[in-house]
Amino acid sequence: MQGMIGVSRNPSEKSKLWGRYVREQARGSGRSGSLTEAAPQATTAVKVLKLSVLTTHTATYSLYRTDRFNEWAIDKDALCIDDAFYDEDLMRKDLIRGPR
């Protein structure tokens, strides 16, 4: 196994990508993008794929931008670790174009 991705589906035809991991030796090979492209296939009739990424994780943010995700909001103080608060970029990728 070179990597894995976690996706949950909501009843509203929106899914959340909640995790993505690629083994260190496979990084830079394009597998991360392949996993993201395969994510909607894990559920049916998905129109929107959403995710969140810590604003401090700039490399991960850039990777999602490469995968055509767009930021739509920032969740302030979304995560607290050892009394330090961190913001998250909320991102989405529309999978089906046209009228909703």
PDB file of N, CA and C in Angstrom:
ATOM      1  N   MET A   1       0.845  -1.169   0.000  1.00  0.00           N
ATOM      2  CA  MET A   1       0.000   0.000   0.000  1.00  0.00           C
ATOM      3  C   MET A   1       0.898   1.242   0.000  1.00  0.00           C
ATOM      4  N   GLN A   2       0.620   2.144  -0.918  1.00  0.00           N
ATOM      5  CA  GLN A   2       1.406   3.369  -1.040  1.00  0.00           C
ATOM      6  C   GLN A   2       0.729   4.568  -0.376  1.00  0.00           C
ATOM      7  N   GLY A   3      -0.597   4.491  -0.200  1.00  0.00           N
ATOM      8  CA  GLY A   3      -1.309   5.604   0.410  1.00  0.00           C
ATOM      9  C   GLY A   3      -2.758   5.251   0.647  1.00  0.00           C
ATOM     10  N   MET A   4      -3.462   6.162   1.311  1.00  0.00           N
ATOM     11  CA  MET A   4      -4.881   5.942   1.573  1.00  0.00           C
ATOM     12  C   MET A   4      -5.586   7.290   1.704  1.00  0.00           C
ATOM     13  N   ILE A   5      -6.918   7.236   1.545  1.00  0.00           N
ATOM     14  CA  ILE A   5      -7.722   8.444   1.653  1.00  0.00           C
ATOM     15  C   ILE A   5      -9.009   8.103   2.389  1.00  0.00           C
ATOM     16  N   GLY A   6      -9.499   9.034   3.188  1.00  0.00           N
ATOM     17  CA  GLY A   6     -10.748   8.842   3.918  1.00  0.00           C
ATOM     18  C   GLY A   6     -11.794   9.827   3.442  1.00  0.00           C
ATOM     19  N   VAL A   7     -12.978   9.316   3.138  1.00  0.00           N
ATOM     20  CA  VAL A   7     -14.069  10.149   2.635  1.00  0.00           C
ATOM     21  C   VAL A   7     -15.356   9.729   3.329  1.00  0.00           C
ATOM     22  N   SER A   8     -16.143  10.718   3.753  1.00  0.00           N
ATOM     23  CA  SER A   8     -17.472  10.420   4.287  1.00  0.00           C
ATOM     24  C   SER A   8     -18.499  11.144   3.435  1.00  0.00           C
ATOM     25  N   ARG A   9     -19.660  10.521   3.241  1.00  0.00           N
ATOM     26  CA  ARG A   9     -20.699  11.105   2.401  1.00  0.00           C
ATOM     27  C   ARG A   9     -21.837  11.618   3.265  1.00  0.00           C
ATOM     28  N   ASN A  10     -22.288  12.828   2.953  1.00  0.00           N
ATOM     29  CA  ASN A  10     -23.456  13.411   3.598  1.00  0.00           C
ATOM     30  C   ASN A  10     -24.678  13.158   2.733  1.00  0.00           C
ATOM     31  N   PRO A  11     -25.875  13.148   3.323  1.00  0.00           N
ATOM     32  CA  PRO A  11     -27.089  12.926   2.530  1.00  0.00           C
ATOM     33  C   PRO A  11     -27.325  14.010   1.479  1.00  0.00           C
ATOM     34  N   SER A  12     -26.694  15.155   1.606  1.00  0.00           N
ATOM     35  CA  SER A  12     -26.936  16.268   0.690  1.00  0.00           C
ATOM     36  C   SER A  12     -26.057  16.227  -0.563  1.00  0.00           C
ATOM     37  N   GLU A  13     -25.543  15.064  -0.917  1.00  0.00           N
ATOM     38  CA  GLU A  13     -24.690  14.880  -2.084  1.00  0.00           C
ATOM     39  C   GLU A  13     -23.359  15.625  -1.963  1.00  0.00           C
ATOM     40  N   LYS A  14     -22.963  15.878  -0.722  1.00  0.00           N
ATOM     41  CA  LYS A  14     -21.663  16.476  -0.450  1.00  0.00           C
ATOM     42  C   LYS A  14     -20.864  15.471   0.359  1.00  0.00           C
ATOM     43  N   SER A  15     -19.596  15.384   0.049  1.00  0.00           N
ATOM     44  CA  SER A  15     -18.718  14.485   0.792  1.00  0.00           C
ATOM     45  C   SER A  15     -17.614  15.286   1.432  1.00  0.00           C
ATOM     46  N   LYS A  16     -17.055  14.719   2.498  1.00  0.00           N
ATOM     47  CA  LYS A  16     -15.930  15.365   3.179  1.00  0.00           C
ATOM     48  C   LYS A  16     -14.721  14.460   3.085  1.00  0.00           C
ATOM     49  N   LEU A  17     -13.653  15.016   2.563  1.00  0.00           N
ATOM     50  CA  LEU A  17     -12.380  14.319   2.557  1.00  0.00           C
ATOM     51  C   LEU A  17     -11.777  14.595   3.927  1.00  0.00           C
ATOM     52  N   TRP A  18     -11.666  13.566   4.766  1.00  0.00           N
ATOM     53  CA  TRP A  18     -11.231  13.773   6.151  1.00  0.00           C
ATOM     54  C   TRP A  18      -9.806  13.309   6.407  1.00  0.00           C
ATOM     55  N   GLY A  19      -9.171  12.722   5.428  1.00  0.00           N
ATOM     56  CA  GLY A  19      -7.791  12.308   5.625  1.00  0.00           C
ATOM     57  C   GLY A  19      -7.153  11.818   4.344  1.00  0.00           C
ATOM     58  N   ARG A  20      -5.870  12.090   4.213  1.00  0.00           N
ATOM     59  CA  ARG A  20      -5.120  11.598   3.054  1.00  0.00           C
ATOM     60  C   ARG A  20      -3.687  11.391   3.520  1.00  0.00           C
ATOM     61  N   TYR A  21      -3.143  10.229   3.183  1.00  0.00           N
ATOM     62  CA  TYR A  21      -1.771   9.911   3.575  1.00  0.00           C
ATOM     63  C   TYR A  21      -1.092   9.161   2.441  1.00  0.00           C
ATOM     64  N   VAL A  22       0.127   9.567   2.141  1.00  0.00           N
ATOM     65  CA  VAL A  22       0.966   8.865   1.169  1.00  0.00           C
ATOM     66  C   VAL A  22       2.290   8.559   1.858  1.00  0.00           C
ATOM     67  N   ARG A  23       2.722   7.308   1.753  1.00  0.00           N
ATOM     68  CA  ARG A  23       3.997   6.925   2.373  1.00  0.00           C
ATOM     69  C   ARG A  23       5.125   7.804   1.862  1.00  0.00           C
ATOM     70  N   GLU A  24       6.066   8.042   2.733  1.00  0.00           N
ATOM     71  CA  GLU A  24       7.153   8.966   2.410  1.00  0.00           C
ATOM     72  C   GLU A  24       7.868   8.602   1.110  1.00  0.00           C
ATOM     73  N   GLN A  25       8.130   7.316   0.890  1.00  0.00           N
ATOM     74  CA  GLN A  25       8.864   6.909  -0.313  1.00  0.00           C
ATOM     75  C   GLN A  25       8.047   7.089  -1.597  1.00  0.00           C
ATOM     76  N   ALA A  26       6.724   7.277  -1.465  1.00  0.00           N
ATOM     77  CA  ALA A  26       5.868   7.464  -2.641  1.00  0.00           C
ATOM     78  C   ALA A  26       5.504   8.931  -2.865  1.00  0.00           C
ATOM     79  N   ARG A  27       5.910   9.808  -1.975  1.00  0.00           N
ATOM     80  CA  ARG A  27       5.594  11.230  -2.117  1.00  0.00           C
ATOM     81  C   ARG A  27       6.326  11.816  -3.321  1.00  0.00           C
ATOM     82  N   GLY A  28       5.657  12.716  -3.999  1.00  0.00           N
ATOM     83  CA  GLY A  28       6.226  13.320  -5.202  1.00  0.00           C
ATOM     84  C   GLY A  28       5.977  12.508  -6.452  1.00  0.00           C
ATOM     85  N   SER A  29       5.268  11.388  -6.313  1.00  0.00           N
ATOM     86  CA  SER A  29       5.021  10.500  -7.448  1.00  0.00           C
ATOM     87  C   SER A  29       3.679  10.763  -8.128  1.00  0.00           C
ATOM     88  N   GLY A  30       2.863  11.662  -7.567  1.00  0.00           N
ATOM     89  CA  GLY A  30       1.533  11.917  -8.120  1.00  0.00           C
ATOM     90  C   GLY A  30       0.450  11.070  -7.488  1.00  0.00           C
ATOM     91  N   ARG A  31       0.814  10.191  -6.567  1.00  0.00           N
ATOM     92  CA  ARG A  31      -0.183   9.318  -5.944  1.00  0.00           C
ATOM     93  C   ARG A  31      -1.197  10.101  -5.116  1.00  0.00           C
ATOM     94  N   SER A  32      -0.756  11.176  -4.502  1.00  0.00           N
ATOM     95  CA  SER A  32      -1.666  11.983  -3.693  1.00  0.00           C
ATOM     96  C   SER A  32      -2.806  12.520  -4.550  1.00  0.00           C
ATOM     97  N   GLY A  33      -2.476  13.058  -5.717  1.00  0.00           N
ATOM     98  CA  GLY A  33      -3.495  13.556  -6.632  1.00  0.00           C
ATOM     99  C   GLY A  33      -4.398  12.438  -7.132  1.00  0.00           C
ATOM    100  N   SER A  34      -3.821  11.270  -7.380  1.00  0.00           N
ATOM    101  CA  SER A  34      -4.623  10.121  -7.829  1.00  0.00           C
ATOM    102  C   SER A  34      -5.617   9.698  -6.761  1.00  0.00           C
ATOM    103  N   LEU A  35      -5.191   9.735  -5.511  1.00  0.00           N
ATOM    104  CA  LEU A  35      -6.098   9.394  -4.413  1.00  0.00           C
ATOM    105  C   LEU A  35      -7.257  10.388  -4.339  1.00  0.00           C
ATOM    106  N   THR A  36      -6.943  11.670  -4.473  1.00  0.00           N
ATOM    107  CA  THR A  36      -7.981  12.693  -4.405  1.00  0.00           C
ATOM    108  C   THR A  36      -8.959  12.541  -5.557  1.00  0.00           C
ATOM    109  N   GLU A  37      -8.471  12.236  -6.743  1.00  0.00           N
ATOM    110  CA  GLU A  37      -9.348  12.028  -7.889  1.00  0.00           C
ATOM    111  C   GLU A  37     -10.247  10.816  -7.689  1.00  0.00           C
ATOM    112  N   ALA A  38      -9.765   9.810  -6.991  1.00  0.00           N
ATOM    113  CA  ALA A  38     -10.544   8.592  -6.766  1.00  0.00           C
ATOM    114  C   ALA A  38     -11.573   8.755  -5.649  1.00  0.00           C
ATOM    115  N   ALA A  39     -11.403   9.753  -4.794  1.00  0.00           N
ATOM    116  CA  ALA A  39     -12.278   9.920  -3.632  1.00  0.00           C
ATOM    117  C   ALA A  39     -13.766   9.979  -3.979  1.00  0.00           C
ATOM    118  N   PRO A  40     -14.195  10.767  -4.961  1.00  0.00           N
ATOM    119  CA  PRO A  40     -15.635  10.806  -5.263  1.00  0.00           C
ATOM    120  C   PRO A  40     -16.190   9.466  -5.742  1.00  0.00           C
ATOM    121  N   GLN A  41     -15.339   8.624  -6.308  1.00  0.00           N
ATOM    122  CA  GLN A  41     -15.777   7.318  -6.778  1.00  0.00           C
ATOM    123  C   GLN A  41     -16.100   6.377  -5.619  1.00  0.00           C
ATOM    124  N   ALA A  42     -15.591   6.716  -4.438  1.00  0.00           N
ATOM    125  CA  ALA A  42     -15.866   5.885  -3.263  1.00  0.00           C
ATOM    126  C   ALA A  42     -17.295   6.072  -2.764  1.00  0.00           C
ATOM    127  N   THR A  43     -17.944   7.127  -3.196  1.00  0.00           N
ATOM    128  CA  THR A  43     -19.336   7.382  -2.849  1.00  0.00           C
ATOM    129  C   THR A  43     -20.102   7.596  -4.142  1.00  0.00           C
ATOM    130  N   THR A  44     -21.418   7.599  -4.063  1.00  0.00           N
ATOM    131  CA  THR A  44     -22.213   7.764  -5.270  1.00  0.00           C
ATOM    132  C   THR A  44     -22.884   9.126  -5.294  1.00  0.00           C
ATOM    133  N   ALA A  45     -23.064   9.649  -6.484  1.00  0.00           N
ATOM    134  CA  ALA A  45     -23.785  10.906  -6.725  1.00  0.00           C
ATOM    135  C   ALA A  45     -23.229  12.096  -5.942  1.00  0.00           C
ATOM    136  N   VAL A  46     -21.944  12.135  -5.782  1.00  0.00           N
ATOM    137  CA  VAL A  46     -21.332  13.244  -5.063  1.00  0.00           C
ATOM    138  C   VAL A  46     -21.164  14.423  -6.015  1.00  0.00           C
ATOM    139  N   LYS A  47     -21.605  15.599  -5.570  1.00  0.00           N
ATOM    140  CA  LYS A  47     -21.479  16.803  -6.384  1.00  0.00           C
ATOM    141  C   LYS A  47     -20.409  17.753  -5.856  1.00  0.00           C
ATOM    142  N   VAL A  48     -20.136  17.679  -4.553  1.00  0.00           N
ATOM    143  CA  VAL A  48     -19.162  18.574  -3.923  1.00  0.00           C
ATOM    144  C   VAL A  48     -18.299  17.772  -2.969  1.00  0.00           C
ATOM    145  N   LEU A  49     -17.019  18.002  -3.033  1.00  0.00           N
ATOM    146  CA  LEU A  49     -16.077  17.386  -2.105  1.00  0.00           C
ATOM    147  C   LEU A  49     -15.468  18.508  -1.275  1.00  0.00           C
ATOM    148  N   LYS A  50     -15.603  18.425   0.046  1.00  0.00           N
ATOM    149  CA  LYS A  50     -15.107  19.459   0.949  1.00  0.00           C
ATOM    150  C   LYS A  50     -13.992  18.904   1.819  1.00  0.00           C
ATOM    151  N   LEU A  51     -13.173  19.825   2.345  1.00  0.00           N
ATOM    152  CA  LEU A  51     -12.112  19.444   3.272  1.00  0.00           C
ATOM    153  C   LEU A  51     -11.697  20.671   4.062  1.00  0.00           C
ATOM    154  N   SER A  52     -10.906  20.430   5.089  1.00  0.00           N
ATOM    155  CA  SER A  52     -10.302  21.534   5.838  1.00  0.00           C
ATOM    156  C   SER A  52      -8.827  21.208   6.035  1.00  0.00           C
ATOM    157  N   VAL A  53      -8.029  22.261   6.077  1.00  0.00           N
ATOM    158  CA  VAL A  53      -6.584  22.104   6.261  1.00  0.00           C
ATOM    159  C   VAL A  53      -6.110  23.251   7.154  1.00  0.00           C
ATOM    160  N   LEU A  54      -5.241  22.937   8.096  1.00  0.00           N
ATOM    161  CA  LEU A  54      -4.711  23.984   8.972  1.00  0.00           C
ATOM    162  C   LEU A  54      -4.010  25.056   8.142  1.00  0.00           C
ATOM    163  N   THR A  55      -4.234  26.308   8.496  1.00  0.00           N
ATOM    164  CA  THR A  55      -3.619  27.401   7.744  1.00  0.00           C
ATOM    165  C   THR A  55      -2.096  27.374   7.840  1.00  0.00           C
ATOM    166  N   THR A  56      -1.564  26.710   8.847  1.00  0.00           N
ATOM    167  CA  THR A  56      -0.108  26.601   8.993  1.00  0.00           C
ATOM    168  C   THR A  56       0.499  25.526   8.093  1.00  0.00           C
ATOM    169  N   HIS A  57      -0.339  24.687   7.509  1.00  0.00           N
ATOM    170  CA  HIS A  57       0.148  23.610   6.628  1.00  0.00           C
ATOM    171  C   HIS A  57       0.135  24.088   5.176  1.00  0.00           C
ATOM    172  N   THR A  58       1.050  24.977   4.864  1.00  0.00           N
ATOM    173  CA  THR A  58       1.048  25.611   3.541  1.00  0.00           C
ATOM    174  C   THR A  58       1.337  24.632   2.401  1.00  0.00           C
ATOM    175  N   ALA A  59       2.166  23.643   2.628  1.00  0.00           N
ATOM    176  CA  ALA A  59       2.458  22.668   1.569  1.00  0.00           C
ATOM    177  C   ALA A  59       1.212  21.845   1.244  1.00  0.00           C
ATOM    178  N   THR A  60       0.475  21.452   2.275  1.00  0.00           N
ATOM    179  CA  THR A  60      -0.761  20.690   2.055  1.00  0.00           C
ATOM    180  C   THR A  60      -1.798  21.554   1.351  1.00  0.00           C
ATOM    181  N   TYR A  61      -1.907  22.812   1.778  1.00  0.00           N
ATOM    182  CA  TYR A  61      -2.827  23.744   1.123  1.00  0.00           C
ATOM    183  C   TYR A  61      -2.492  23.856  -0.366  1.00  0.00           C
ATOM    184  N   SER A  62      -1.233  24.019  -0.695  1.00  0.00           N
ATOM    185  CA  SER A  62      -0.812  24.131  -2.092  1.00  0.00           C
ATOM    186  C   SER A  62      -1.146  22.871  -2.877  1.00  0.00           C
ATOM    187  N   LEU A  63      -0.980  21.738  -2.241  1.00  0.00           N
ATOM    188  CA  LEU A  63      -1.303  20.474  -2.891  1.00  0.00           C
ATOM    189  C   LEU A  63      -2.792  20.399  -3.227  1.00  0.00           C
ATOM    190  N   TYR A  64      -3.645  20.808  -2.293  1.00  0.00           N
ATOM    191  CA  TYR A  64      -5.079  20.810  -2.566  1.00  0.00           C
ATOM    192  C   TYR A  64      -5.439  21.822  -3.649  1.00  0.00           C
ATOM    193  N   ARG A  65      -4.764  22.961  -3.687  1.00  0.00           N
ATOM    194  CA  ARG A  65      -5.006  23.935  -4.764  1.00  0.00           C
ATOM    195  C   ARG A  65      -4.632  23.312  -6.112  1.00  0.00           C
ATOM    196  N   THR A  66      -3.542  22.541  -6.133  1.00  0.00           N
ATOM    197  CA  THR A  66      -3.150  21.843  -7.358  1.00  0.00           C
ATOM    198  C   THR A  66      -4.233  20.856  -7.780  1.00  0.00           C
ATOM    199  N   ASP A  67      -4.911  20.265  -6.800  1.00  0.00           N
ATOM    200  CA  ASP A  67      -6.001  19.315  -7.070  1.00  0.00           C
ATOM    201  C   ASP A  67      -7.320  20.030  -7.376  1.00  0.00           C
ATOM    202  N   ARG A  68      -7.267  21.357  -7.590  1.00  0.00           N
ATOM    203  CA  ARG A  68      -8.416  22.185  -7.984  1.00  0.00           C
ATOM    204  C   ARG A  68      -9.447  22.402  -6.873  1.00  0.00           C
ATOM    205  N   PHE A  69      -9.013  22.390  -5.626  1.00  0.00           N
ATOM    206  CA  PHE A  69      -9.880  22.784  -4.516  1.00  0.00           C
ATOM    207  C   PHE A  69      -9.758  24.297  -4.353  1.00  0.00           C
ATOM    208  N   ASN A  70     -10.851  24.937  -3.970  1.00  0.00           N
ATOM    209  CA  ASN A  70     -10.876  26.378  -3.744  1.00  0.00           C
ATOM    210  C   ASN A  70     -11.259  26.664  -2.307  1.00  0.00           C
ATOM    211  N   GLU A  71     -10.595  27.651  -1.728  1.00  0.00           N
ATOM    212  CA  GLU A  71     -10.921  28.074  -0.369  1.00  0.00           C
ATOM    213  C   GLU A  71     -12.232  28.852  -0.403  1.00  0.00           C
ATOM    214  N   TRP A  72     -13.133  28.537   0.526  1.00  0.00           N
ATOM    215  CA  TRP A  72     -14.399  29.272   0.577  1.00  0.00           C
ATOM    216  C   TRP A  72     -14.619  29.953   1.925  1.00  0.00           C
ATOM    217  N   ALA A  73     -13.819  29.615   2.928  1.00  0.00           N
ATOM    218  CA  ALA A  73     -13.946  30.262   4.232  1.00  0.00           C
ATOM    219  C   ALA A  73     -12.749  29.882   5.099  1.00  0.00           C
ATOM    220  N   ILE A  74     -12.590  30.601   6.196  1.00  0.00           N
ATOM    221  CA  ILE A  74     -11.599  30.258   7.214  1.00  0.00           C
ATOM    222  C   ILE A  74     -12.345  30.035   8.521  1.00  0.00           C
ATOM    223  N   ASP A  75     -12.103  28.909   9.138  1.00  0.00           N
ATOM    224  CA  ASP A  75     -12.689  28.587  10.442  1.00  0.00           C
ATOM    225  C   ASP A  75     -11.683  29.019  11.506  1.00  0.00           C
ATOM    226  N   LYS A  76     -11.966  30.143  12.138  1.00  0.00           N
ATOM    227  CA  LYS A  76     -11.067  30.694  13.157  1.00  0.00           C
ATOM    228  C   LYS A  76     -11.063  29.813  14.403  1.00  0.00           C
ATOM    229  N   ASP A  77      -9.893  29.587  14.968  1.00  0.00           N
ATOM    230  CA  ASP A  77      -9.734  28.815  16.197  1.00  0.00           C
ATOM    231  C   ASP A  77     -10.411  27.445  16.111  1.00  0.00           C
ATOM    232  N   ALA A  78     -10.271  26.794  14.977  1.00  0.00           N
ATOM    233  CA  ALA A  78     -10.929  25.507  14.741  1.00  0.00           C
ATOM    234  C   ALA A  78     -10.338  24.377  15.570  1.00  0.00           C
ATOM    235  N   LEU A  79      -9.087  24.501  15.934  1.00  0.00           N
ATOM    236  CA  LEU A  79      -8.400  23.426  16.633  1.00  0.00           C
ATOM    237  C   LEU A  79      -7.593  24.013  17.785  1.00  0.00           C
ATOM    238  N   CYS A  80      -7.628  23.342  18.932  1.00  0.00           N
ATOM    239  CA  CYS A  80      -6.855  23.784  20.093  1.00  0.00           C
ATOM    240  C   CYS A  80      -5.929  22.640  20.515  1.00  0.00           C
ATOM    241  N   ILE A  81      -4.633  22.934  20.533  1.00  0.00           N
ATOM    242  CA  ILE A  81      -3.634  21.961  20.962  1.00  0.00           C
ATOM    243  C   ILE A  81      -2.749  22.638  21.997  1.00  0.00           C
ATOM    244  N   ASP A  82      -2.697  22.071  23.179  1.00  0.00           N
ATOM    245  CA  ASP A  82      -1.879  22.626  24.260  1.00  0.00           C
ATOM    246  C   ASP A  82      -2.136  24.121  24.464  1.00  0.00           C
ATOM    247  N   ASP A  83      -3.394  24.480  24.520  1.00  0.00           N
ATOM    248  CA  ASP A  83      -3.841  25.862  24.743  1.00  0.00           C
ATOM    249  C   ASP A  83      -3.484  26.827  23.615  1.00  0.00           C
ATOM    250  N   ALA A  84      -3.068  26.321  22.473  1.00  0.00           N
ATOM    251  CA  ALA A  84      -2.826  27.161  21.298  1.00  0.00           C
ATOM    252  C   ALA A  84      -3.928  26.874  20.278  1.00  0.00           C
ATOM    253  N   PHE A  85      -4.487  27.943  19.709  1.00  0.00           N
ATOM    254  CA  PHE A  85      -5.573  27.803  18.742  1.00  0.00           C
ATOM    255  C   PHE A  85      -5.048  27.951  17.324  1.00  0.00           C
ATOM    256  N   TYR A  86      -5.629  27.160  16.408  1.00  0.00           N
ATOM    257  CA  TYR A  86      -5.211  27.155  15.015  1.00  0.00           C
ATOM    258  C   TYR A  86      -6.434  27.327  14.120  1.00  0.00           C
ATOM    259  N   ASP A  87      -6.249  28.101  13.044  1.00  0.00           N
ATOM    260  CA  ASP A  87      -7.314  28.298  12.057  1.00  0.00           C
ATOM    261  C   ASP A  87      -7.231  27.211  10.993  1.00  0.00           C
ATOM    262  N   GLU A  88      -8.376  26.951  10.358  1.00  0.00           N
ATOM    263  CA  GLU A  88      -8.422  26.012   9.245  1.00  0.00           C
ATOM    264  C   GLU A  88      -8.988  26.701   8.016  1.00  0.00           C
ATOM    265  N   ASP A  89      -8.378  26.425   6.859  1.00  0.00           N
ATOM    266  CA  ASP A  89      -8.944  26.834   5.583  1.00  0.00           C
ATOM    267  C   ASP A  89      -9.989  25.795   5.207  1.00  0.00           C
ATOM    268  N   LEU A  90     -11.194  26.246   4.908  1.00  0.00           N
ATOM    269  CA  LEU A  90     -12.247  25.358   4.429  1.00  0.00           C
ATOM    270  C   LEU A  90     -12.214  25.415   2.910  1.00  0.00           C
ATOM    271  N   MET A  91     -12.104  24.247   2.294  1.00  0.00           N
ATOM    272  CA  MET A  91     -11.945  24.176   0.842  1.00  0.00           C
ATOM    273  C   MET A  91     -12.996  23.257   0.249  1.00  0.00           C
ATOM    274  N   ARG A  92     -13.281  23.476  -1.030  1.00  0.00           N
ATOM    275  CA  ARG A  92     -14.257  22.643  -1.727  1.00  0.00           C
ATOM    276  C   ARG A  92     -13.879  22.502  -3.188  1.00  0.00           C
ATOM    277  N   LYS A  93     -14.384  21.422  -3.758  1.00  0.00           N
ATOM    278  CA  LYS A  93     -14.188  21.167  -5.179  1.00  0.00           C
ATOM    279  C   LYS A  93     -15.539  20.734  -5.737  1.00  0.00           C
ATOM    280  N   ASP A  94     -16.063  21.526  -6.671  1.00  0.00           N
ATOM    281  CA  ASP A  94     -17.333  21.171  -7.315  1.00  0.00           C
ATOM    282  C   ASP A  94     -17.057  20.117  -8.380  1.00  0.00           C
ATOM    283  N   LEU A  95     -17.729  18.982  -8.260  1.00  0.00           N
ATOM    284  CA  LEU A  95     -17.484  17.869  -9.169  1.00  0.00           C
ATOM    285  C   LEU A  95     -18.430  17.861 -10.354  1.00  0.00           C
ATOM    286  N   ILE A  96     -19.607  18.463 -10.173  1.00  0.00           N
ATOM    287  CA  ILE A  96     -20.605  18.532 -11.251  1.00  0.00           C
ATOM    288  C   ILE A  96     -20.912  20.000 -11.493  1.00  0.00           C
ATOM    289  N   ARG A  97     -20.688  20.446 -12.688  1.00  0.00           N
ATOM    290  CA  ARG A  97     -20.957  21.836 -13.050  1.00  0.00           C
ATOM    291  C   ARG A  97     -22.405  21.993 -13.532  1.00  0.00           C
ATOM    292  N   GLY A  98     -22.862  23.223 -13.519  1.00  0.00           N
ATOM    293  CA  GLY A  98     -24.196  23.507 -14.031  1.00  0.00           C
ATOM    294  C   GLY A  98     -25.149  23.865 -12.913  1.00  0.00           C
ATOM    295  N   PRO A  99     -26.467  23.960 -13.250  1.00  0.00           N
ATOM    296  CA  PRO A  99     -27.462  24.358 -12.252  1.00  0.00           C
ATOM    297  C   PRO A  99     -27.535  23.374 -11.095  1.00  0.00           C
ATOM    298  N   ARG A 100     -27.808  23.907  -9.932  1.00  0.00           N
ATOM    299  CA  ARG A 100     -27.934  23.049  -8.747  1.00  0.00           C
ATOM    300  C   ARG A 100     -29.375  22.929  -8.346  1.00  0.00           C
TER     301      ARG A 100
END
